[in-house]
Amino acid sequence: MSGMGQDVNPPEHPPEPDIEQVAAGRLLDLVRSFVTTHVPWKPLFIGAVITGDDRMRLYFRSPERDRTYGVDVLISHTGPGLLASLVSPAFLANEHLHQPSDDPHCDVVVDLTDY
């Protein structure tokens, strides 16, 4: 009768999800929110990359200019307000937000990590 009546103790701390898995899951959620029927006047979402523990760069193609925007965001702060602004042509076209880019995948960078 050995082993009967013994309590199985769960670990003191459940394993934490891998940071990369959490970021990839959030990125997939964002991609799903941008995948929609293309409207000619809206920026076209063309890709994304995780750039740090809580950072990602989203790529959009301008509908009016021959320009690609790289938009830096914090994964943990990507709520409905930020997502709505990213599909607004006027928001991304605001040249006061543009920074020079050394990223070969975009013409300008828009840093929204403080958003």
Protein backbone atom coordinates (compact mmCIF):
# COMPACT_ATOMS: atom_id res chain seq x y z
CA MET A 1 0.00 0.00 0.00
CA SER A 2 2.88 2.26 -0.49
CA GLY A 3 2.10 5.56 -2.11
CA MET A 4 -1.51 5.65 -0.97
CA GLY A 5 -2.55 8.69 0.91
CA GLN A 6 0.47 10.68 -0.22
CA ASP A 7 -0.31 14.16 -1.47
CA VAL A 8 1.11 15.16 -4.79
CA ASN A 9 2.32 18.69 -4.38
CA PRO A 10 2.16 20.95 -7.41
CA PRO A 11 5.26 23.00 -8.06
CA GLU A 12 5.42 26.17 -5.98
CA HIS A 13 5.41 28.32 -9.08
CA PRO A 14 3.75 27.24 -12.30
CA PRO A 15 6.08 27.50 -15.27
CA GLU A 16 5.99 30.93 -16.86
CA PRO A 17 5.11 31.06 -20.52
CA ASP A 18 8.09 31.61 -22.76
CA ILE A 19 8.42 35.32 -23.58
CA GLU A 20 8.90 34.53 -27.25
CA GLN A 21 5.73 32.40 -27.32
CA VAL A 22 3.70 35.16 -25.66
CA ALA A 23 5.04 37.74 -28.13
CA ALA A 24 4.36 35.46 -31.10
CA GLY A 25 0.81 34.85 -29.87
CA ARG A 26 0.17 38.58 -29.50
CA LEU A 27 1.67 39.22 -32.93
CA LEU A 28 -0.70 36.66 -34.46
CA ASP A 29 -3.64 38.37 -32.73
CA LEU A 30 -2.55 41.70 -34.22
CA VAL A 31 -2.12 40.23 -37.68
CA ARG A 32 -5.64 38.80 -37.51
CA SER A 33 -6.99 42.24 -36.61
CA PHE A 34 -5.33 43.81 -39.69
CA VAL A 35 -6.32 41.11 -42.16
CA THR A 36 -9.43 42.48 -43.83
CA THR A 37 -10.80 43.29 -47.23
CA HIS A 38 -8.43 45.79 -48.79
CA VAL A 39 -9.80 49.30 -49.10
CA PRO A 40 -7.79 51.48 -51.51
CA TRP A 41 -7.58 54.48 -49.16
CA LYS A 42 -6.33 52.55 -46.10
CA PRO A 43 -2.72 51.60 -45.39
CA LEU A 44 -2.08 47.98 -46.32
CA PHE A 45 -0.59 45.79 -43.58
CA ILE A 46 2.29 43.87 -45.17
CA GLY A 47 4.20 42.27 -42.30
CA ALA A 48 5.65 42.34 -38.82
CA VAL A 49 8.69 41.28 -36.85
CA ILE A 50 9.35 40.91 -33.13
CA THR A 51 12.24 43.22 -32.29
CA GLY A 52 12.57 42.74 -28.52
CA ASP A 53 10.99 41.31 -25.40
CA ASP A 54 7.96 43.61 -25.58
CA ARG A 55 8.54 45.28 -28.94
CA MET A 56 7.54 44.66 -32.51
CA ARG A 57 7.68 46.50 -35.79
CA LEU A 58 4.60 46.46 -37.98
CA TYR A 59 4.92 47.25 -41.68
CA PHE A 60 2.32 49.15 -43.69
CA ARG A 61 2.28 50.25 -47.32
CA SER A 62 0.95 53.73 -48.02
CA PRO A 63 -2.10 53.86 -50.28
CA GLU A 64 -1.26 57.33 -51.56
CA ARG A 65 2.53 57.42 -51.64
CA ASP A 66 5.18 55.06 -52.77
CA ARG A 67 6.25 54.56 -49.15
CA THR A 68 6.43 51.78 -46.58
CA TYR A 69 6.09 52.60 -42.89
CA GLY A 70 7.74 50.64 -40.09
CA VAL A 71 5.73 51.23 -36.93
CA ASP A 72 7.39 50.36 -33.60
CA VAL A 73 4.95 49.38 -30.85
CA LEU A 74 5.02 47.75 -27.44
CA ILE A 75 3.31 44.38 -27.61
CA SER A 76 1.74 44.85 -24.19
CA HIS A 77 0.18 48.21 -25.19
CA THR A 78 -1.49 47.29 -28.46
CA GLY A 79 -5.10 48.10 -27.70
CA PRO A 80 -8.04 49.18 -29.87
CA GLY A 81 -7.03 52.87 -29.97
CA LEU A 82 -3.58 52.12 -31.32
CA LEU A 83 -4.89 49.59 -33.82
CA ALA A 84 -7.50 52.05 -35.13
CA SER A 85 -4.90 54.76 -35.60
CA LEU A 86 -2.65 52.46 -37.60
CA VAL A 87 -5.25 51.89 -40.29
CA SER A 88 -5.87 55.63 -40.64
CA PRO A 89 -4.07 57.08 -43.66
CA ALA A 90 -3.78 60.51 -42.01
CA PHE A 91 -2.10 59.14 -38.88
CA LEU A 92 0.76 57.37 -40.67
CA ALA A 93 1.14 60.23 -43.16
CA ASN A 94 1.86 62.69 -40.32
CA GLU A 95 5.46 63.58 -41.16
CA HIS A 96 6.09 64.90 -37.63
CA LEU A 97 6.09 61.26 -36.50
CA HIS A 98 8.51 60.03 -39.18
CA GLN A 99 12.09 59.11 -38.38
CA PRO A 100 14.80 58.09 -40.83
CA SER A 101 15.02 54.34 -41.33
CA ASP A 102 18.00 52.04 -41.59
CA ASP A 103 15.59 49.11 -41.95
CA PRO A 104 15.69 47.80 -45.54
CA HIS A 105 12.00 46.89 -45.28
CA CYS A 106 10.64 50.40 -44.70
CA ASP A 107 11.21 53.96 -45.86
CA VAL A 108 10.39 55.66 -42.55
CA VAL A 109 9.92 54.57 -38.96
CA VAL A 110 7.09 55.73 -36.73
CA ASP A 111 7.85 55.15 -33.05
CA LEU A 112 4.62 54.50 -31.15
CA THR A 113 6.20 52.81 -28.16
CA ASP A 114 5.00 55.68 -25.95
CA TYR A 115 1.43 55.45 -27.26
